[in-house]
Amino acid sequence: MKKPTLAITVPCYNEELCIESTVNSLIDVLSDLMAKDKINSDSFIYLIDDGSKDKTWEIISQLHEKNHLVKGVKFIRNYGNQKAHIAGLLGVRDLGCDCAVSIDADLQQDQWAIEKFIDKYMEGADIVSGIRNSRNTDTFLKKTTAVCFYKLMNLLGVNIPINHSDYRLVSKKAMDILAQYPEKNIFLRGFFNELGLKNDIVYFDVKPRLYGSSKFSYVKLIGLALNGITSFSVMPLRIIAVLGFIMALFSICLGIQVLVEKYILNNTPAGWATIVTLMAFFGGLQLFCMGIIGEYLGQVFREVKARPRYIVETELK
């Protein structure tokens, strides 16, 4: 296999404190790989400004003027991390590359592991997933909820390796397939693991964040998790159907018991506390089930409107 043209895609949102050092570090990675004759000299970095409100785009523009390896695109507003990743992959596909590696702007993911991604690609992998060696840099709450999320996704039938992030390499073939999907809310961690292309894994270490703070609040993480579940699995809807059937049987049995006690045993049941508790339980269960159905309806609502995933304000090629 000939050496590839590599594109490194970097979603950015209010990253003025770190973006310059990040780009310089990635240029060092590209230069090292070129010196080792592992990638073509026309490889490049593609930065996606997801509607930043600070000087992120101004700095990107300056870096582009100084170095032809730096390219980028700016959204008119913030659309979210997943759509920025999609824009990056589709953008570099149009510019021309053989494979692309997505990495976060804070470079907590070890950028020098990109060489391992390229090695796996040269061995024939179309998708190379980055897996964290540990979650020691996370808080206890974030670590626990993340593990629960991955286990839940696998229970629901979505094949996602535990501790997989959006640090991955995808081939031109995988990007071509992505371009065929018109869905507006694609959960990339599930999407690439469901394609059936040859997949491989690279393990990497996570470094402490040097500048700024994470843009992923718990609310955004919950939204990402809900999007992942409702995008790739109908299992929650089936669980609701099974729960409804079980509760119907329970209600029938409870009704039979009341009739037997009243008309056969002549003992009118007193248990008002039990009745109130059961009513509260069933009411809460119904609201929970309606909430799950509402999430799926929301996904359908967003898709049928057929609005664009994002709108580009300007692009630096």
C-alpha atoms as a PDB file:
ATOM      1  CA  MET A   1       0.000   0.000   0.000  1.00  0.00           C
ATOM      2  CA  LYS A   2       1.345   3.436  -0.939  1.00  0.00           C
ATOM      3  CA  LYS A   3       1.947   5.994   1.800  1.00  0.00           C
ATOM      4  CA  PRO A   4      -1.223   7.996   2.447  1.00  0.00           C
ATOM      5  CA  THR A   5      -2.173  11.650   2.478  1.00  0.00           C
ATOM      6  CA  LEU A   6      -3.222  12.234   6.078  1.00  0.00           C
ATOM      7  CA  ALA A   7      -5.659  14.886   7.315  1.00  0.00           C
ATOM      8  CA  ILE A   8      -5.892  15.650  11.046  1.00  0.00           C
ATOM      9  CA  THR A   9      -9.300  17.103  11.933  1.00  0.00           C
ATOM     10  CA  VAL A  10      -9.632  19.203  15.090  1.00  0.00           C
ATOM     11  CA  PRO A  11     -13.038  20.496  16.329  1.00  0.00           C
ATOM     12  CA  CYS A  12     -12.615  23.778  18.214  1.00  0.00           C
ATOM     13  CA  TYR A  13     -14.938  25.761  20.436  1.00  0.00           C
ATOM     14  CA  ASN A  14     -13.547  28.740  22.372  1.00  0.00           C
ATOM     15  CA  GLU A  15     -10.017  27.348  22.346  1.00  0.00           C
ATOM     16  CA  GLU A  16      -8.026  30.587  21.986  1.00  0.00           C
ATOM     17  CA  LEU A  17      -5.790  29.640  24.919  1.00  0.00           C
ATOM     18  CA  CYS A  18      -4.536  26.393  23.406  1.00  0.00           C
ATOM     19  CA  ILE A  19      -5.174  26.374  19.660  1.00  0.00           C
ATOM     20  CA  GLU A  20      -1.781  27.776  18.624  1.00  0.00           C
ATOM     21  CA  SER A  21       0.205  25.330  20.754  1.00  0.00           C
ATOM     22  CA  THR A  22      -2.067  22.512  19.540  1.00  0.00           C
ATOM     23  CA  VAL A  23      -1.443  23.333  15.889  1.00  0.00           C
ATOM     24  CA  ASN A  24       2.311  23.607  16.469  1.00  0.00           C
ATOM     25  CA  SER A  25       2.317  20.208  18.186  1.00  0.00           C
ATOM     26  CA  LEU A  26       0.356  18.622  15.325  1.00  0.00           C
ATOM     27  CA  ILE A  27       2.702  20.192  12.763  1.00  0.00           C
ATOM     28  CA  ASP A  28       5.564  18.501  14.637  1.00  0.00           C
ATOM     29  CA  VAL A  29       3.686  15.191  14.369  1.00  0.00           C
ATOM     30  CA  LEU A  30       3.144  15.645  10.611  1.00  0.00           C
ATOM     31  CA  SER A  31       6.778  16.645  10.088  1.00  0.00           C
ATOM     32  CA  ASP A  32       7.958  13.588  12.011  1.00  0.00           C
ATOM     33  CA  LEU A  33       5.744  11.251   9.978  1.00  0.00           C
ATOM     34  CA  MET A  34       6.895  12.859   6.722  1.00  0.00           C
ATOM     35  CA  ALA A  35      10.535  12.494   7.782  1.00  0.00           C
ATOM     36  CA  LYS A  36       9.883   8.791   8.454  1.00  0.00           C
ATOM     37  CA  ASP A  37       8.294   8.555   4.971  1.00  0.00           C
ATOM     38  CA  LYS A  38       5.004   7.293   6.452  1.00  0.00           C
ATOM     39  CA  ILE A  39       2.726   9.988   4.955  1.00  0.00           C
ATOM     40  CA  ASN A  40       2.717  12.226   1.902  1.00  0.00           C
ATOM     41  CA  SER A  41       4.032  15.789   2.026  1.00  0.00           C
ATOM     42  CA  ASP A  42       0.569  17.132   1.091  1.00  0.00           C
ATOM     43  CA  SER A  43      -0.894  15.954   4.417  1.00  0.00           C
ATOM     44  CA  PHE A  44      -2.532  18.719   6.441  1.00  0.00           C
ATOM     45  CA  ILE A  45      -4.416  19.881   9.547  1.00  0.00           C
ATOM     46  CA  TYR A  46      -8.108  20.827   9.281  1.00  0.00           C
ATOM     47  CA  LEU A  47      -9.569  22.920  12.100  1.00  0.00           C
ATOM     48  CA  ILE A  48     -13.343  23.218  12.567  1.00  0.00           C
ATOM     49  CA  ASP A  49     -14.424  26.334  14.470  1.00  0.00           C
ATOM     50  CA  ASP A  50     -17.789  25.369  15.942  1.00  0.00           C
ATOM     51  CA  GLY A  51     -19.093  28.925  16.363  1.00  0.00           C
ATOM     52  CA  SER A  52     -16.468  30.142  18.853  1.00  0.00           C
ATOM     53  CA  LYS A  53     -17.128  33.451  20.573  1.00  0.00           C
ATOM     54  CA  ASP A  54     -13.480  34.210  21.354  1.00  0.00           C
ATOM     55  CA  LYS A  55     -10.444  34.706  19.094  1.00  0.00           C
ATOM     56  CA  THR A  56     -10.170  31.071  18.012  1.00  0.00           C
ATOM     57  CA  TRP A  57     -10.944  31.740  14.329  1.00  0.00           C
ATOM     58  CA  GLU A  58      -8.693  34.794  14.232  1.00  0.00           C
ATOM     59  CA  ILE A  59      -5.790  32.670  15.454  1.00  0.00           C
ATOM     60  CA  ILE A  60      -6.637  29.882  12.973  1.00  0.00           C
ATOM     61  CA  SER A  61      -6.609  32.418  10.126  1.00  0.00           C
ATOM     62  CA  GLN A  62      -3.186  33.685  11.198  1.00  0.00           C
ATOM     63  CA  LEU A  63      -1.814  30.143  11.392  1.00  0.00           C
ATOM     64  CA  HIS A  64      -3.196  29.428   7.923  1.00  0.00           C
ATOM     65  CA  GLU A  65      -1.373  32.444   6.496  1.00  0.00           C
ATOM     66  CA  LYS A  66       1.901  31.293   8.059  1.00  0.00           C
ATOM     67  CA  ASN A  67       1.705  27.620   7.126  1.00  0.00           C
ATOM     68  CA  HIS A  68       0.040  25.918   4.138  1.00  0.00           C
ATOM     69  CA  LEU A  69      -0.452  22.767   6.259  1.00  0.00           C
ATOM     70  CA  VAL A  70      -3.148  24.557   8.275  1.00  0.00           C
ATOM     71  CA  LYS A  71      -6.653  24.671   6.802  1.00  0.00           C
ATOM     72  CA  GLY A  72     -10.004  25.231   8.426  1.00  0.00           C
ATOM     73  CA  VAL A  73     -13.705  25.947   8.345  1.00  0.00           C
ATOM     74  CA  LYS A  74     -15.904  28.214  10.475  1.00  0.00           C
ATOM     75  CA  PHE A  75     -19.575  27.658  11.346  1.00  0.00           C
ATOM     76  CA  ILE A  76     -21.960  30.593  11.668  1.00  0.00           C
ATOM     77  CA  ARG A  77     -22.932  29.322  15.149  1.00  0.00           C
ATOM     78  CA  ASN A  78     -22.326  26.469  17.541  1.00  0.00           C
ATOM     79  CA  TYR A  79     -23.756  23.152  16.305  1.00  0.00           C
ATOM     80  CA  GLY A  80     -22.116  20.705  18.710  1.00  0.00           C
ATOM     81  CA  ASN A  81     -19.100  18.430  18.840  1.00  0.00           C
ATOM     82  CA  GLN A  82     -20.511  15.555  16.782  1.00  0.00           C
ATOM     83  CA  LYS A  83     -21.500  17.785  13.872  1.00  0.00           C
ATOM     84  CA  ALA A  84     -18.088  19.456  13.990  1.00  0.00           C
ATOM     85  CA  HIS A  85     -16.474  16.019  13.701  1.00  0.00           C
ATOM     86  CA  ILE A  86     -18.730  15.164  10.746  1.00  0.00           C
ATOM     87  CA  ALA A  87     -17.927  18.499   9.059  1.00  0.00           C
ATOM     88  CA  GLY A  88     -14.241  17.781   9.508  1.00  0.00           C
ATOM     89  CA  LEU A  89     -14.427  14.351   7.913  1.00  0.00           C
ATOM     90  CA  LEU A  90     -16.586  15.488   4.995  1.00  0.00           C
ATOM     91  CA  GLY A  91     -14.465  18.609   4.552  1.00  0.00           C
ATOM     92  CA  VAL A  92     -11.141  16.758   4.261  1.00  0.00           C
ATOM     93  CA  ARG A  93     -12.798  14.182   2.000  1.00  0.00           C
ATOM     94  CA  ASP A  94     -13.661  16.976  -0.428  1.00  0.00           C
ATOM     95  CA  LEU A  95     -10.186  18.487  -0.167  1.00  0.00           C
ATOM     96  CA  GLY A  96      -8.605  15.126  -0.918  1.00  0.00           C
ATOM     97  CA  CYS A  97      -6.992  12.694   1.522  1.00  0.00           C
ATOM     98  CA  ASP A  98      -6.557   8.947   1.959  1.00  0.00           C
ATOM     99  CA  CYS A  99      -7.335   8.868   5.675  1.00  0.00           C
ATOM    100  CA  ALA A 100      -8.199  11.245   8.509  1.00  0.00           C
ATOM    101  CA  VAL A 101      -7.511  11.261  12.233  1.00  0.00           C
ATOM    102  CA  SER A 102      -9.896  13.158  14.535  1.00  0.00           C
ATOM    103  CA  ILE A 103      -8.447  14.575  17.757  1.00  0.00           C
ATOM    104  CA  ASP A 104      -9.632  17.049  20.402  1.00  0.00           C
ATOM    105  CA  ALA A 105      -8.269  20.591  20.438  1.00  0.00           C
ATOM    106  CA  ASP A 106      -6.963  20.348  24.007  1.00  0.00           C
ATOM    107  CA  LEU A 107      -4.595  17.504  22.983  1.00  0.00           C
ATOM    108  CA  GLN A 108      -5.338  15.538  26.126  1.00  0.00           C
ATOM    109  CA  GLN A 109      -5.247  12.579  23.764  1.00  0.00           C
ATOM    110  CA  ASP A 110      -1.631  11.662  22.992  1.00  0.00           C
ATOM    111  CA  GLN A 111      -0.980  13.163  19.550  1.00  0.00           C
ATOM    112  CA  TRP A 112       2.132  10.988  19.063  1.00  0.00           C
ATOM    113  CA  ALA A 113      -0.121   7.925  18.960  1.00  0.00           C
ATOM    114  CA  ILE A 114      -1.134   9.066  15.454  1.00  0.00           C
ATOM    115  CA  GLU A 115       1.857   7.128  14.140  1.00  0.00           C
ATOM    116  CA  LYS A 116       0.305   3.928  15.537  1.00  0.00           C
ATOM    117  CA  PHE A 117      -2.974   4.792  13.775  1.00  0.00           C
ATOM    118  CA  ILE A 118      -1.093   5.134  10.465  1.00  0.00           C
ATOM    119  CA  ASP A 119       0.655   1.801  11.027  1.00  0.00           C
ATOM    120  CA  LYS A 120      -2.710   0.082  11.557  1.00  0.00           C
ATOM    121  CA  TYR A 121      -4.069   1.788   8.432  1.00  0.00           C
ATOM    122  CA  MET A 122      -1.109   0.543   6.399  1.00  0.00           C
ATOM    123  CA  GLU A 123      -1.891  -2.962   7.652  1.00  0.00           C
ATOM    124  CA  GLY A 124      -5.311  -2.678   6.021  1.00  0.00           C
ATOM    125  CA  ALA A 125      -7.627  -1.227   8.683  1.00  0.00           C
ATOM    126  CA  ASP A 126     -10.307   1.186   7.422  1.00  0.00           C
ATOM    127  CA  ILE A 127     -11.230   2.319  10.934  1.00  0.00           C
ATOM    128  CA  VAL A 128      -8.823   2.535  13.874  1.00  0.00           C
ATOM    129  CA  SER A 129     -10.452   3.338  17.216  1.00  0.00           C
ATOM    130  CA  GLY A 130      -8.522   5.065  19.970  1.00  0.00           C
ATOM    131  CA  ILE A 131      -9.028   3.457  23.391  1.00  0.00           C
ATOM    132  CA  ARG A 132      -7.934   5.163  26.598  1.00  0.00           C
ATOM    133  CA  ASN A 133      -5.570   3.163  28.802  1.00  0.00           C
ATOM    134  CA  SER A 134      -7.299   4.592  31.891  1.00  0.00           C
ATOM    135  CA  ARG A 135      -9.677   7.314  33.067  1.00  0.00           C
ATOM    136  CA  ASN A 136      -7.416   8.591  35.857  1.00  0.00           C
ATOM    137  CA  THR A 137      -7.800  12.200  34.675  1.00  0.00           C
ATOM    138  CA  ASP A 138     -11.603  12.062  35.116  1.00  0.00           C
ATOM    139  CA  THR A 139     -13.583  12.760  38.263  1.00  0.00           C
ATOM    140  CA  PHE A 140     -15.189   9.809  40.040  1.00  0.00           C
ATOM    141  CA  LEU A 141     -18.647  10.826  38.779  1.00  0.00           C
ATOM    142  CA  LYS A 142     -17.550  11.213  35.161  1.00  0.00           C
ATOM    143  CA  LYS A 143     -15.578   7.965  35.264  1.00  0.00           C
ATOM    144  CA  THR A 144     -18.513   6.021  36.722  1.00  0.00           C
ATOM    145  CA  THR A 145     -21.142   7.452  34.374  1.00  0.00           C
ATOM    146  CA  ALA A 146     -18.896   6.892  31.331  1.00  0.00           C
ATOM    147  CA  VAL A 147     -18.391   3.200  32.156  1.00  0.00           C
ATOM    148  CA  CYS A 148     -22.131   2.791  32.784  1.00  0.00           C
ATOM    149  CA  PHE A 149     -22.894   4.438  29.430  1.00  0.00           C
ATOM    150  CA  TYR A 150     -20.627   2.112  27.443  1.00  0.00           C
ATOM    151  CA  LYS A 151     -21.984  -0.965  29.217  1.00  0.00           C
ATOM    152  CA  LEU A 152     -25.562   0.205  28.635  1.00  0.00           C
ATOM    153  CA  MET A 153     -24.894   0.805  24.927  1.00  0.00           C
ATOM    154  CA  ASN A 154     -23.492  -2.701  24.555  1.00  0.00           C
ATOM    155  CA  LEU A 155     -26.484  -4.165  26.409  1.00  0.00           C
ATOM    156  CA  LEU A 156     -28.754  -2.338  23.963  1.00  0.00           C
ATOM    157  CA  GLY A 157     -26.936  -3.945  21.042  1.00  0.00           C
ATOM    158  CA  VAL A 158     -24.657  -1.056  20.033  1.00  0.00           C
ATOM    159  CA  ASN A 159     -21.096  -2.308  19.622  1.00  0.00           C
ATOM    160  CA  ILE A 160     -18.854   0.352  21.184  1.00  0.00           C
ATOM    161  CA  PRO A 161     -15.573  -0.537  22.918  1.00  0.00           C
ATOM    162  CA  ILE A 162     -15.369   0.706  26.509  1.00  0.00           C
ATOM    163  CA  ASN A 163     -13.327   3.921  26.877  1.00  0.00           C
ATOM    164  CA  HIS A 164     -13.515   4.633  23.141  1.00  0.00           C
ATOM    165  CA  SER A 165     -13.433   8.348  22.369  1.00  0.00           C
ATOM    166  CA  ASP A 166     -13.696  10.362  19.152  1.00  0.00           C
ATOM    167  CA  TYR A 167      -9.953   9.895  18.677  1.00  0.00           C
ATOM    168  CA  ARG A 168      -9.922   7.655  15.613  1.00  0.00           C
ATOM    169  CA  LEU A 169      -8.641   7.146  12.106  1.00  0.00           C
ATOM    170  CA  VAL A 170     -11.028   6.563   9.223  1.00  0.00           C
ATOM    171  CA  SER A 171     -10.134   5.743   5.633  1.00  0.00           C
ATOM    172  CA  LYS A 172     -11.390   7.457   2.496  1.00  0.00           C
ATOM    173  CA  LYS A 173     -13.693   4.455   2.008  1.00  0.00           C
ATOM    174  CA  ALA A 174     -15.308   5.034   5.411  1.00  0.00           C
ATOM    175  CA  MET A 175     -15.674   8.752   4.704  1.00  0.00           C
ATOM    176  CA  ASP A 176     -17.362   7.972   1.371  1.00  0.00           C
ATOM    177  CA  ILE A 177     -19.882   5.801   3.221  1.00  0.00           C
ATOM    178  CA  LEU A 178     -20.473   8.549   5.799  1.00  0.00           C
ATOM    179  CA  ALA A 179     -21.247  10.978   2.962  1.00  0.00           C
ATOM    180  CA  GLN A 180     -24.074   8.664   1.817  1.00  0.00           C
ATOM    181  CA  TYR A 181     -25.914   8.954   5.142  1.00  0.00           C
ATOM    182  CA  PRO A 182     -28.426  11.840   5.165  1.00  0.00           C
ATOM    183  CA  GLU A 183     -29.131  11.565   8.913  1.00  0.00           C
ATOM    184  CA  LYS A 184     -28.655  14.822  10.791  1.00  0.00           C
ATOM    185  CA  ASN A 185     -27.793  13.344  14.206  1.00  0.00           C
ATOM    186  CA  ILE A 186     -25.222  10.612  13.641  1.00  0.00           C
ATOM    187  CA  PHE A 187     -23.506   9.232  16.739  1.00  0.00           C
ATOM    188  CA  LEU A 188     -20.051   8.589  15.287  1.00  0.00           C
ATOM    189  CA  ARG A 189     -18.810   6.211  17.986  1.00  0.00           C
ATOM    190  CA  GLY A 190     -21.629   3.835  17.127  1.00  0.00           C
ATOM    191  CA  PHE A 191     -21.714   4.597  13.402  1.00  0.00           C
ATOM    192  CA  PHE A 192     -18.152   3.575  12.549  1.00  0.00           C
ATOM    193  CA  ASN A 193     -18.339   0.422  14.658  1.00  0.00           C
ATOM    194  CA  GLU A 194     -21.512  -0.674  12.819  1.00  0.00           C
ATOM    195  CA  LEU A 195     -20.245  -0.289   9.235  1.00  0.00           C
ATOM    196  CA  GLY A 196     -18.629  -3.708   8.993  1.00  0.00           C
ATOM    197  CA  LEU A 197     -15.327  -2.392   7.631  1.00  0.00           C
ATOM    198  CA  LYS A 198     -12.038  -3.761   8.919  1.00  0.00           C
ATOM    199  CA  ASN A 199     -11.512  -2.286  12.374  1.00  0.00           C
ATOM    200  CA  ASP A 200      -8.506  -2.114  14.670  1.00  0.00           C
ATOM    201  CA  ILE A 201      -7.593  -0.519  17.999  1.00  0.00           C
ATOM    202  CA  VAL A 202      -4.847   1.755  19.291  1.00  0.00           C
ATOM    203  CA  TYR A 203      -4.399   2.335  23.025  1.00  0.00           C
ATOM    204  CA  PHE A 204      -3.260   5.757  24.210  1.00  0.00           C
ATOM    205  CA  ASP A 205      -2.674   7.737  27.386  1.00  0.00           C
ATOM    206  CA  VAL A 206      -4.674  10.809  28.376  1.00  0.00           C
ATOM    207  CA  LYS A 207      -2.816  13.895  29.583  1.00  0.00           C
ATOM    208  CA  PRO A 208      -4.100  16.608  31.936  1.00  0.00           C
ATOM    209  CA  ARG A 209      -5.618  19.622  30.178  1.00  0.00           C
ATOM    210  CA  LEU A 210      -3.068  22.466  30.175  1.00  0.00           C
ATOM    211  CA  TYR A 211      -5.243  25.401  29.085  1.00  0.00           C
ATOM    212  CA  GLY A 212      -8.854  26.391  29.667  1.00  0.00           C
ATOM    213  CA  SER A 213     -11.581  24.005  30.739  1.00  0.00           C
ATOM    214  CA  SER A 214     -13.585  21.231  29.115  1.00  0.00           C
ATOM    215  CA  LYS A 215     -16.499  22.385  26.955  1.00  0.00           C
ATOM    216  CA  PHE A 216     -18.427  19.185  27.749  1.00  0.00           C
ATOM    217  CA  SER A 217     -20.746  19.876  30.688  1.00  0.00           C
ATOM    218  CA  TYR A 218     -22.718  17.038  32.254  1.00  0.00           C
ATOM    219  CA  VAL A 219     -25.824  18.308  30.465  1.00  0.00           C
ATOM    220  CA  LYS A 220     -24.058  18.032  27.087  1.00  0.00           C
ATOM    221  CA  LEU A 221     -22.723  14.587  27.983  1.00  0.00           C
ATOM    222  CA  ILE A 222     -26.243  13.427  28.864  1.00  0.00           C
ATOM    223  CA  GLY A 223     -27.485  14.821  25.541  1.00  0.00           C
ATOM    224  CA  LEU A 224     -24.719  12.975  23.697  1.00  0.00           C
ATOM    225  CA  ALA A 225     -25.619   9.751  25.507  1.00  0.00           C
ATOM    226  CA  LEU A 226     -29.328  10.089  24.699  1.00  0.00           C
ATOM    227  CA  ASN A 227     -28.512  10.813  21.071  1.00  0.00           C
ATOM    228  CA  GLY A 228     -26.311   7.724  20.944  1.00  0.00           C
ATOM    229  CA  ILE A 229     -28.986   5.483  22.429  1.00  0.00           C
ATOM    230  CA  THR A 230     -31.896   6.735  20.320  1.00  0.00           C
ATOM    231  CA  SER A 231     -29.807   6.859  17.126  1.00  0.00           C
ATOM    232  CA  PHE A 232     -28.661   3.252  17.202  1.00  0.00           C
ATOM    233  CA  SER A 233     -31.057   1.161  19.253  1.00  0.00           C
ATOM    234  CA  VAL A 234     -34.817   0.580  19.471  1.00  0.00           C
ATOM    235  CA  MET A 235     -34.301  -1.680  22.475  1.00  0.00           C
ATOM    236  CA  PRO A 236     -35.738   0.903  24.956  1.00  0.00           C
ATOM    237  CA  LEU A 237     -38.999   0.887  22.983  1.00  0.00           C
ATOM    238  CA  ARG A 238     -39.096  -2.904  23.166  1.00  0.00           C
ATOM    239  CA  ILE A 239     -38.430  -2.755  26.903  1.00  0.00           C
ATOM    240  CA  ILE A 240     -41.406  -0.399  27.246  1.00  0.00           C
ATOM    241  CA  ALA A 241     -43.582  -2.897  25.368  1.00  0.00           C
ATOM    242  CA  VAL A 242     -42.465  -5.739  27.652  1.00  0.00           C
ATOM    243  CA  LEU A 243     -42.996  -3.588  30.762  1.00  0.00           C
ATOM    244  CA  GLY A 244     -46.488  -2.699  29.566  1.00  0.00           C
ATOM    245  CA  PHE A 245     -47.309  -6.385  29.085  1.00  0.00           C
ATOM    246  CA  ILE A 246     -45.954  -7.308  32.528  1.00  0.00           C
ATOM    247  CA  MET A 247     -47.840  -4.480  34.219  1.00  0.00           C
ATOM    248  CA  ALA A 248     -51.038  -5.486  32.430  1.00  0.00           C
ATOM    249  CA  LEU A 249     -50.673  -9.036  33.779  1.00  0.00           C
ATOM    250  CA  PHE A 250     -49.950  -7.670  37.247  1.00  0.00           C
ATOM    251  CA  SER A 251     -53.047  -5.469  37.114  1.00  0.00           C
ATOM    252  CA  ILE A 252     -55.219  -8.422  36.052  1.00  0.00           C
ATOM    253  CA  CYS A 253     -53.856 -10.555  38.905  1.00  0.00           C
ATOM    254  CA  LEU A 254     -54.430  -7.704  41.369  1.00  0.00           C
ATOM    255  CA  GLY A 255     -57.984  -7.277  40.097  1.00  0.00           C
ATOM    256  CA  ILE A 256     -58.708 -10.982  40.500  1.00  0.00           C
ATOM    257  CA  GLN A 257     -57.384 -10.864  44.070  1.00  0.00           C
ATOM    258  CA  VAL A 258     -59.679  -7.939  44.937  1.00  0.00           C
ATOM    259  CA  LEU A 259     -62.721  -9.723  43.460  1.00  0.00           C
ATOM    260  CA  VAL A 260     -61.952 -12.956  45.317  1.00  0.00           C
ATOM    261  CA  GLU A 261     -61.547 -11.147  48.638  1.00  0.00           C
ATOM    262  CA  LYS A 262     -64.764  -9.159  48.142  1.00  0.00           C
ATOM    263  CA  TYR A 263     -67.196 -11.744  46.740  1.00  0.00           C
ATOM    264  CA  ILE A 264     -65.816 -15.087  47.920  1.00  0.00           C
ATOM    265  CA  LEU A 265     -64.046 -14.320  51.175  1.00  0.00           C
ATOM    266  CA  ASN A 266     -66.420 -11.421  51.986  1.00  0.00           C
ATOM    267  CA  ASN A 267     -63.420  -9.433  53.116  1.00  0.00           C
ATOM    268  CA  THR A 268     -63.189  -6.025  51.514  1.00  0.00           C
ATOM    269  CA  PRO A 269     -59.473  -5.154  51.327  1.00  0.00           C
ATOM    270  CA  ALA A 270     -58.409  -2.208  53.394  1.00  0.00           C
ATOM    271  CA  GLY A 271     -54.962  -1.474  51.852  1.00  0.00           C
ATOM    272  CA  TRP A 272     -55.393   2.146  50.815  1.00  0.00           C
ATOM    273  CA  ALA A 273     -51.678   2.809  51.379  1.00  0.00           C
ATOM    274  CA  THR A 274     -50.859  -0.028  49.009  1.00  0.00           C
ATOM    275  CA  ILE A 275     -53.236   1.342  46.385  1.00  0.00           C
ATOM    276  CA  VAL A 276     -51.791   4.857  46.628  1.00  0.00           C
ATOM    277  CA  THR A 277     -48.236   3.477  46.410  1.00  0.00           C
ATOM    278  CA  LEU A 278     -49.098   1.402  43.351  1.00  0.00           C
ATOM    279  CA  MET A 279     -50.809   4.358  41.673  1.00  0.00           C
ATOM    280  CA  ALA A 280     -47.752   6.527  42.280  1.00  0.00           C
ATOM    281  CA  PHE A 281     -45.470   3.772  40.971  1.00  0.00           C
ATOM    282  CA  PHE A 282     -47.495   3.187  37.808  1.00  0.00           C
ATOM    283  CA  GLY A 283     -47.853   6.935  37.243  1.00  0.00           C
ATOM    284  CA  GLY A 284     -44.092   7.422  37.501  1.00  0.00           C
ATOM    285  CA  LEU A 285     -43.454   4.444  35.231  1.00  0.00           C
ATOM    286  CA  GLN A 286     -45.833   5.813  32.617  1.00  0.00           C
ATOM    287  CA  LEU A 287     -44.143   9.224  32.642  1.00  0.00           C
ATOM    288  CA  PHE A 288     -40.729   7.538  32.318  1.00  0.00           C
ATOM    289  CA  CYS A 289     -41.909   5.484  29.345  1.00  0.00           C
ATOM    290  CA  MET A 290     -43.484   8.537  27.753  1.00  0.00           C
ATOM    291  CA  GLY A 291     -40.153  10.344  28.171  1.00  0.00           C
ATOM    292  CA  ILE A 292     -38.314   7.591  26.292  1.00  0.00           C
ATOM    293  CA  ILE A 293     -40.914   7.639  23.520  1.00  0.00           C
ATOM    294  CA  GLY A 294     -40.594  11.424  23.451  1.00  0.00           C
ATOM    295  CA  GLU A 295     -36.840  11.143  22.835  1.00  0.00           C
ATOM    296  CA  TYR A 296     -37.482   8.963  19.789  1.00  0.00           C
ATOM    297  CA  LEU A 297     -40.194  11.321  18.555  1.00  0.00           C
ATOM    298  CA  GLY A 298     -37.753  14.185  18.971  1.00  0.00           C
ATOM    299  CA  GLN A 299     -35.221  12.355  16.794  1.00  0.00           C
ATOM    300  CA  VAL A 300     -37.882  11.815  14.127  1.00  0.00           C
ATOM    301  CA  PHE A 301     -38.974  15.462  14.380  1.00  0.00           C
ATOM    302  CA  ARG A 302     -35.427  16.716  13.828  1.00  0.00           C
ATOM    303  CA  GLU A 303     -34.863  14.382  10.897  1.00  0.00           C
ATOM    304  CA  VAL A 304     -38.115  15.087   9.009  1.00  0.00           C
ATOM    305  CA  LYS A 305     -37.438  18.835   9.062  1.00  0.00           C
ATOM    306  CA  ALA A 306     -34.381  18.015   6.930  1.00  0.00           C
ATOM    307  CA  ARG A 307     -32.447  21.073   8.058  1.00  0.00           C
ATOM    308  CA  PRO A 308     -28.718  21.131   7.243  1.00  0.00           C
ATOM    309  CA  ARG A 309     -26.370  19.691   9.851  1.00  0.00           C
ATOM    310  CA  TYR A 310     -24.413  22.932   9.907  1.00  0.00           C
ATOM    311  CA  ILE A 311     -23.914  26.117   7.907  1.00  0.00           C
ATOM    312  CA  VAL A 312     -20.404  27.150   6.917  1.00  0.00           C
ATOM    313  CA  GLU A 313     -19.510  30.829   7.182  1.00  0.00           C
ATOM    314  CA  THR A 314     -16.060  30.603   5.618  1.00  0.00           C
ATOM    315  CA  GLU A 315     -13.407  28.040   4.737  1.00  0.00           C
ATOM    316  CA  LEU A 316      -9.632  28.217   4.445  1.00  0.00           C
ATOM    317  CA  LYS A 317      -8.250  25.769   1.884  1.00  0.00           C
END
